[in-house]
Amino acid sequence: MVDDDAITRHLLQETCLTAHPHVDCCAMASAIEALLHLPVFKPHIMLIDLLMPKVDGWELVKRLQQNEDFSKLQIITLSALSLAELKDRGGPPTGSLFIAKPVDLGWLRGYLVGLLGTKAWA
């Protein structure tokens, strides 16, 4: 997961880690940090905040989608932008599941459990 806000990052990481014993979650504070660590971590799912300094979530998603190694990666984008603000910026990145902040942590936990049950990333 990638989010520049430390509190949000912590809450989302804890939610992911408590979803299931087989879930591992690496939390990063920037898109640049994520791009450096992704080849080693090789995630199945990524939660990405859209509004981050320097390299934003839109650019991170674009780079991931251009890389064949991440063709099966499920991308979930997050933002506190209003629907109008999001639309003005071109909407959520194509190919991503968008969740408005604040994130319903119970929903997120259930979503991850559901993915584990279906092995949707395989």
Protein backbone atom coordinates (compact mmCIF):
# COMPACT_ATOMS: atom_id res chain seq x y z
CA MET A 1 0.00 0.00 0.00
CA VAL A 2 1.14 3.52 -0.75
CA ASP A 3 -0.10 6.59 1.13
CA ASP A 4 1.79 9.69 2.20
CA ASP A 5 -0.35 10.15 5.34
CA ALA A 6 1.20 8.18 8.23
CA ILE A 7 -2.06 7.67 10.15
CA THR A 8 -3.97 6.44 7.11
CA ARG A 9 -1.04 4.22 6.14
CA HIS A 10 -0.97 2.67 9.62
CA LEU A 11 -4.76 2.08 9.73
CA LEU A 12 -4.82 0.50 6.28
CA GLN A 13 -1.78 -1.66 6.98
CA GLU A 14 -3.23 -2.94 10.27
CA THR A 15 -6.53 -3.69 8.55
CA CYS A 16 -4.77 -5.67 5.84
CA LEU A 17 -2.57 -7.57 8.29
CA THR A 18 -5.53 -8.58 10.46
CA ALA A 19 -7.68 -9.72 7.51
CA HIS A 20 -6.08 -13.16 7.32
CA PRO A 21 -2.89 -14.89 8.56
CA HIS A 22 -1.70 -15.28 4.95
CA VAL A 23 -1.89 -11.56 4.20
CA ASP A 24 1.39 -9.69 4.24
CA CYS A 25 1.31 -5.94 3.84
CA CYS A 26 4.14 -3.57 3.07
CA ALA A 27 3.34 0.12 3.57
CA MET A 28 5.23 2.84 1.74
CA ALA A 29 5.04 6.61 2.08
CA SER A 30 5.61 7.56 -1.56
CA ALA A 31 5.20 6.34 -5.12
CA ILE A 32 8.96 6.57 -5.59
CA GLU A 33 9.54 4.27 -2.61
CA ALA A 34 6.94 1.86 -4.02
CA LEU A 35 8.55 1.78 -7.46
CA LEU A 36 11.90 0.95 -5.86
CA HIS A 37 10.52 -1.90 -3.71
CA LEU A 38 7.91 -3.45 -6.01
CA PRO A 39 10.28 -5.71 -7.96
CA VAL A 40 11.29 -7.36 -4.67
CA PHE A 41 7.91 -7.44 -2.92
CA LYS A 42 5.81 -8.48 -5.97
CA PRO A 43 2.34 -7.76 -4.56
CA HIS A 44 -0.94 -9.22 -5.76
CA ILE A 45 -2.95 -6.19 -4.64
CA MET A 46 -1.98 -2.54 -4.21
CA LEU A 47 -3.81 0.21 -2.39
CA ILE A 48 -2.67 3.55 -3.79
CA ASP A 49 -3.54 7.04 -2.61
CA LEU A 50 -4.09 9.32 -5.60
CA LEU A 51 -2.97 12.57 -3.97
CA MET A 52 0.71 12.32 -3.10
CA PRO A 53 3.56 14.79 -3.54
CA LYS A 54 6.07 14.49 -6.39
CA VAL A 55 4.77 11.31 -8.08
CA ASP A 56 1.01 11.02 -7.59
CA GLY A 57 -1.17 7.91 -7.66
CA TRP A 58 -2.23 8.44 -11.27
CA GLU A 59 1.40 8.33 -12.40
CA LEU A 60 2.18 5.30 -10.21
CA VAL A 61 -0.78 3.38 -11.67
CA LYS A 62 0.30 4.34 -15.19
CA ARG A 63 3.82 3.04 -14.60
CA LEU A 64 2.54 -0.19 -13.08
CA GLN A 65 0.18 -0.80 -15.99
CA GLN A 66 3.01 -0.27 -18.47
CA ASN A 67 5.10 -2.98 -16.80
CA GLU A 68 4.31 -6.53 -17.93
CA ASP A 69 5.52 -7.89 -14.57
CA PHE A 70 2.48 -6.27 -12.94
CA SER A 71 -0.15 -7.25 -15.52
CA LYS A 72 -2.13 -9.30 -12.95
CA LEU A 73 -1.78 -6.76 -10.16
CA GLN A 74 -5.11 -5.65 -8.72
CA ILE A 75 -5.01 -1.90 -8.10
CA ILE A 76 -7.25 -0.14 -5.61
CA THR A 77 -7.04 3.65 -5.67
CA LEU A 78 -8.05 5.86 -2.76
CA SER A 79 -8.80 9.56 -2.46
CA ALA A 80 -10.56 12.10 -0.26
CA LEU A 81 -11.34 14.21 -3.35
CA SER A 82 -15.01 14.96 -3.96
CA LEU A 83 -16.56 13.35 -7.03
CA ALA A 84 -16.45 16.72 -8.82
CA GLU A 85 -12.74 17.22 -7.98
CA LEU A 86 -11.98 13.67 -9.05
CA LYS A 87 -13.83 14.18 -12.34
CA ASP A 88 -11.90 17.45 -12.94
CA ARG A 89 -8.66 15.46 -12.66
CA GLY A 90 -9.82 12.87 -15.17
CA GLY A 91 -11.42 10.42 -12.74
CA PRO A 92 -9.81 7.42 -11.12
CA PRO A 93 -7.19 5.63 -13.21
CA THR A 94 -8.65 3.21 -15.72
CA GLY A 95 -8.36 -0.37 -14.57
CA SER A 96 -8.40 0.47 -10.86
CA LEU A 97 -11.08 -0.05 -8.25
CA PHE A 98 -11.75 3.32 -6.63
CA ILE A 99 -12.61 3.75 -2.94
CA ALA A 100 -13.41 7.13 -1.42
CA LYS A 101 -11.73 8.14 1.82
CA PRO A 102 -12.37 7.67 4.62
CA VAL A 103 -12.12 3.98 3.81
CA ASP A 104 -14.61 1.63 5.46
CA LEU A 105 -12.05 -0.63 7.15
CA GLY A 106 -14.59 -3.40 7.74
CA TRP A 107 -15.40 -3.44 4.03
CA LEU A 108 -11.70 -3.54 3.15
CA ARG A 109 -11.07 -6.44 5.52
CA GLY A 110 -14.03 -8.34 4.04
CA TYR A 111 -12.88 -7.61 0.50
CA LEU A 112 -9.43 -9.02 1.22
CA VAL A 113 -10.92 -12.12 2.88
CA GLY A 114 -13.12 -12.58 -0.18
CA LEU A 115 -10.14 -12.35 -2.50
CA LEU A 116 -8.28 -14.94 -0.47
CA GLY A 117 -11.29 -17.24 -0.70
CA THR A 118 -11.49 -16.98 -4.47
CA LYS A 119 -7.74 -16.67 -5.08
CA ALA A 120 -8.68 -13.90 -7.51
CA TRP A 121 -5.05 -12.89 -8.04
CA ALA A 122 -3.89 -16.30 -9.31
